[in-house]
């Protein structure tokens, strides 16, 4: 896919398969659809947000459902992703 270096990116930015090095995302909507993992290296994020669509949205929604207390799967989800829990604990 595409490679971006030392750029300021705004607006809707598709992530799948793209490489971003030393970029600044400013007022950007970073869209991941569940394709090839993007590379985000030494980037900065200013008033930007991630948006999950397609396959990625399905996965996020599945995990959200699994985290609900009534699912009895919360400890399973937290256990299968310890690196995420260590960085940003879910409360």
Protein backbone atom coordinates (compact mmCIF):
# COMPACT_ATOMS: atom_id res chain seq x y z
CA UNK A 1 0.00 0.00 0.00
CA UNK A 2 1.06 3.59 0.57
CA UNK A 3 3.88 4.97 2.70
CA UNK A 4 3.69 8.39 4.35
CA UNK A 5 6.65 10.17 5.97
CA UNK A 6 6.87 13.47 7.82
CA UNK A 7 3.41 14.62 6.81
CA UNK A 8 0.51 16.33 8.55
CA UNK A 9 -2.60 14.34 7.70
CA UNK A 10 -6.16 15.56 8.25
CA UNK A 11 -9.65 14.27 7.59
CA UNK A 12 -10.46 10.63 6.84
CA UNK A 13 -7.30 8.51 6.68
CA UNK A 14 -7.52 4.83 5.68
CA UNK A 15 -5.04 2.80 7.72
CA UNK A 16 -5.23 -0.75 6.33
CA UNK A 17 -1.85 -1.77 4.93
CA UNK A 18 -0.42 1.74 4.95
CA UNK A 19 2.79 2.86 6.64
CA UNK A 20 3.07 6.11 8.55
CA UNK A 21 6.46 7.31 9.82
CA UNK A 22 6.91 10.52 11.81
CA UNK A 23 3.48 11.80 10.76
CA UNK A 24 1.07 14.02 12.62
CA UNK A 25 -2.62 13.21 12.46
CA UNK A 26 -4.48 16.45 13.08
CA UNK A 27 -8.28 16.46 13.31
CA UNK A 28 -8.13 13.09 11.58
CA UNK A 29 -10.44 10.11 11.47
CA UNK A 30 -8.17 7.05 11.37
CA UNK A 31 -10.17 4.29 9.71
CA UNK A 32 -9.27 0.62 10.17
CA UNK A 33 -11.41 -1.95 8.32
CA UNK A 34 -9.65 -5.12 9.48
CA UNK A 35 -7.28 -5.61 6.55
CA UNK A 36 -3.51 -5.66 6.72
CA UNK A 37 -2.14 -4.11 9.90
CA UNK A 38 -0.85 -0.57 9.41
CA UNK A 39 2.53 0.64 10.61
CA UNK A 40 2.34 3.73 12.83
CA UNK A 41 5.90 4.68 13.76
CA UNK A 42 6.67 7.73 15.90
CA UNK A 43 3.39 9.44 14.96
CA UNK A 44 1.54 12.16 16.85
CA UNK A 45 -2.22 12.41 17.25
CA UNK A 46 -3.92 15.79 17.75
CA UNK A 47 -7.69 15.84 18.16
CA UNK A 48 -7.99 12.63 16.17
CA UNK A 49 -9.95 9.43 16.66
CA UNK A 50 -9.93 5.84 15.50
CA UNK A 51 -12.91 4.45 13.60
CA UNK A 52 -13.43 0.73 13.12
CA UNK A 53 -15.44 -0.39 10.10
CA UNK A 54 -16.20 -3.69 8.38
CA UNK A 55 -14.38 -6.70 9.83
CA UNK A 56 -12.62 -4.55 12.43
CA UNK A 57 -15.95 -3.18 13.70
CA UNK A 58 -17.30 -6.73 14.00
CA UNK A 59 -14.30 -7.76 16.09
CA UNK A 60 -14.53 -4.70 18.36
CA UNK A 61 -18.26 -5.31 18.88
CA UNK A 62 -17.64 -8.99 19.70
CA UNK A 63 -15.03 -8.03 22.31
CA UNK A 64 -17.35 -5.40 23.80
CA UNK A 65 -20.04 -8.03 24.17
CA UNK A 66 -17.60 -10.48 25.73
CA UNK A 67 -16.60 -7.85 28.30
CA UNK A 68 -20.16 -7.48 29.59
CA UNK A 69 -20.56 -8.99 33.08
CA UNK A 70 -23.45 -11.26 32.01
CA UNK A 71 -21.28 -12.97 29.37
CA UNK A 72 -19.00 -14.53 32.00
CA UNK A 73 -16.18 -14.03 29.48
CA UNK A 74 -14.62 -10.85 30.86
CA UNK A 75 -11.71 -12.66 32.55
CA UNK A 76 -11.14 -14.67 29.38
CA UNK A 77 -10.90 -11.53 27.22
CA UNK A 78 -8.64 -9.77 29.69
CA UNK A 79 -6.47 -12.90 29.96
CA UNK A 80 -6.01 -13.29 26.21
CA UNK A 81 -4.77 -9.72 25.80
CA UNK A 82 -2.47 -8.99 28.75
CA UNK A 83 -0.42 -6.45 26.81
CA UNK A 84 -3.55 -4.33 26.27
CA UNK A 85 -4.68 -4.64 29.86
CA UNK A 86 -1.21 -3.68 31.12
CA UNK A 87 -1.11 -0.53 28.98
CA UNK A 88 -4.76 0.54 29.35
CA UNK A 89 -6.71 -1.35 32.03
CA UNK A 90 -10.42 -1.80 31.34
CA UNK A 91 -12.58 -0.75 34.23
